[in-house]
């Protein structure tokens, strides 16, 4: 199991990768708002969805590290 610092770093990296995909798909102006919509999660098997799924897994790992 990752320690809290490692889990936080992994989450930050995954969140940045998802953010980059949001910008790629929706543009810099719309990307921040798309984080909070279903469309911001991407279609199944899209690069946006893959980035979102990795980010969610990292978020859950960080959450677990914080409560362990």
Protein backbone atom coordinates (compact mmCIF):
# COMPACT_ATOMS: atom_id res chain seq x y z
CA UNK A 1 0.00 0.00 0.00
CA UNK A 2 1.25 3.48 -0.83
CA UNK A 3 1.97 5.97 1.87
CA UNK A 4 0.05 9.22 1.92
CA UNK A 5 2.76 11.27 0.16
CA UNK A 6 3.14 8.76 -2.68
CA UNK A 7 -0.61 8.44 -3.08
CA UNK A 8 -0.96 12.24 -3.18
CA UNK A 9 1.75 12.54 -5.84
CA UNK A 10 0.12 9.82 -7.93
CA UNK A 11 -3.25 11.53 -7.62
CA UNK A 12 -1.81 14.92 -8.63
CA UNK A 13 -0.17 13.38 -11.70
CA UNK A 14 -3.35 11.56 -12.70
CA UNK A 15 -5.43 14.70 -12.18
CA UNK A 16 -3.02 16.70 -14.36
CA UNK A 17 -3.23 14.05 -17.10
CA UNK A 18 -7.03 14.16 -17.01
CA UNK A 19 -6.91 17.97 -17.10
CA UNK A 20 -4.67 17.81 -20.18
CA UNK A 21 -7.20 15.55 -21.88
CA UNK A 22 -10.04 17.89 -20.94
CA UNK A 23 -8.14 20.77 -22.55
CA UNK A 24 -7.38 18.68 -25.62
CA UNK A 25 -11.04 17.71 -26.08
CA UNK A 26 -12.89 20.84 -24.95
CA UNK A 27 -10.35 23.64 -25.22
CA UNK A 28 -8.66 25.68 -22.51
CA UNK A 29 -11.68 27.95 -21.96
CA UNK A 30 -14.28 25.19 -21.46
CA UNK A 31 -12.14 22.51 -19.81
CA UNK A 32 -12.46 23.77 -16.20
CA UNK A 33 -16.25 23.62 -16.33
CA UNK A 34 -16.30 20.23 -18.07
CA UNK A 35 -14.63 18.64 -15.03
CA UNK A 36 -18.02 18.79 -13.32
CA UNK A 37 -20.12 17.27 -16.08
CA UNK A 38 -20.70 13.72 -17.32
CA UNK A 39 -19.22 14.76 -20.68
CA UNK A 40 -15.98 15.54 -18.86
CA UNK A 41 -15.62 11.87 -18.04
CA UNK A 42 -15.45 10.96 -21.71
CA UNK A 43 -17.01 8.25 -23.81
CA UNK A 44 -16.16 4.59 -23.11
CA UNK A 45 -12.69 3.65 -24.38
CA UNK A 46 -11.79 7.26 -25.25
CA UNK A 47 -8.52 8.76 -24.06
CA UNK A 48 -10.54 11.16 -21.92
CA UNK A 49 -12.35 8.26 -20.20
CA UNK A 50 -9.11 6.38 -19.68
CA UNK A 51 -7.55 9.46 -18.06
CA UNK A 52 -10.64 9.95 -15.90
CA UNK A 53 -10.62 6.30 -14.80
CA UNK A 54 -6.92 6.47 -13.86
CA UNK A 55 -7.61 9.67 -11.92
CA UNK A 56 -10.53 8.07 -10.05
CA UNK A 57 -8.44 5.03 -9.14
CA UNK A 58 -5.68 7.34 -7.86
CA UNK A 59 -8.23 9.38 -5.90
CA UNK A 60 -9.55 6.24 -4.22
CA UNK A 61 -6.03 5.09 -3.38
CA UNK A 62 -5.25 8.50 -1.88
CA UNK A 63 -8.49 8.40 0.10
CA UNK A 64 -7.56 4.98 1.46
CA UNK A 65 -4.04 6.14 2.35
CA UNK A 66 -5.52 9.04 4.30
CA UNK A 67 -7.83 6.85 6.33
CA UNK A 68 -5.37 4.02 7.01
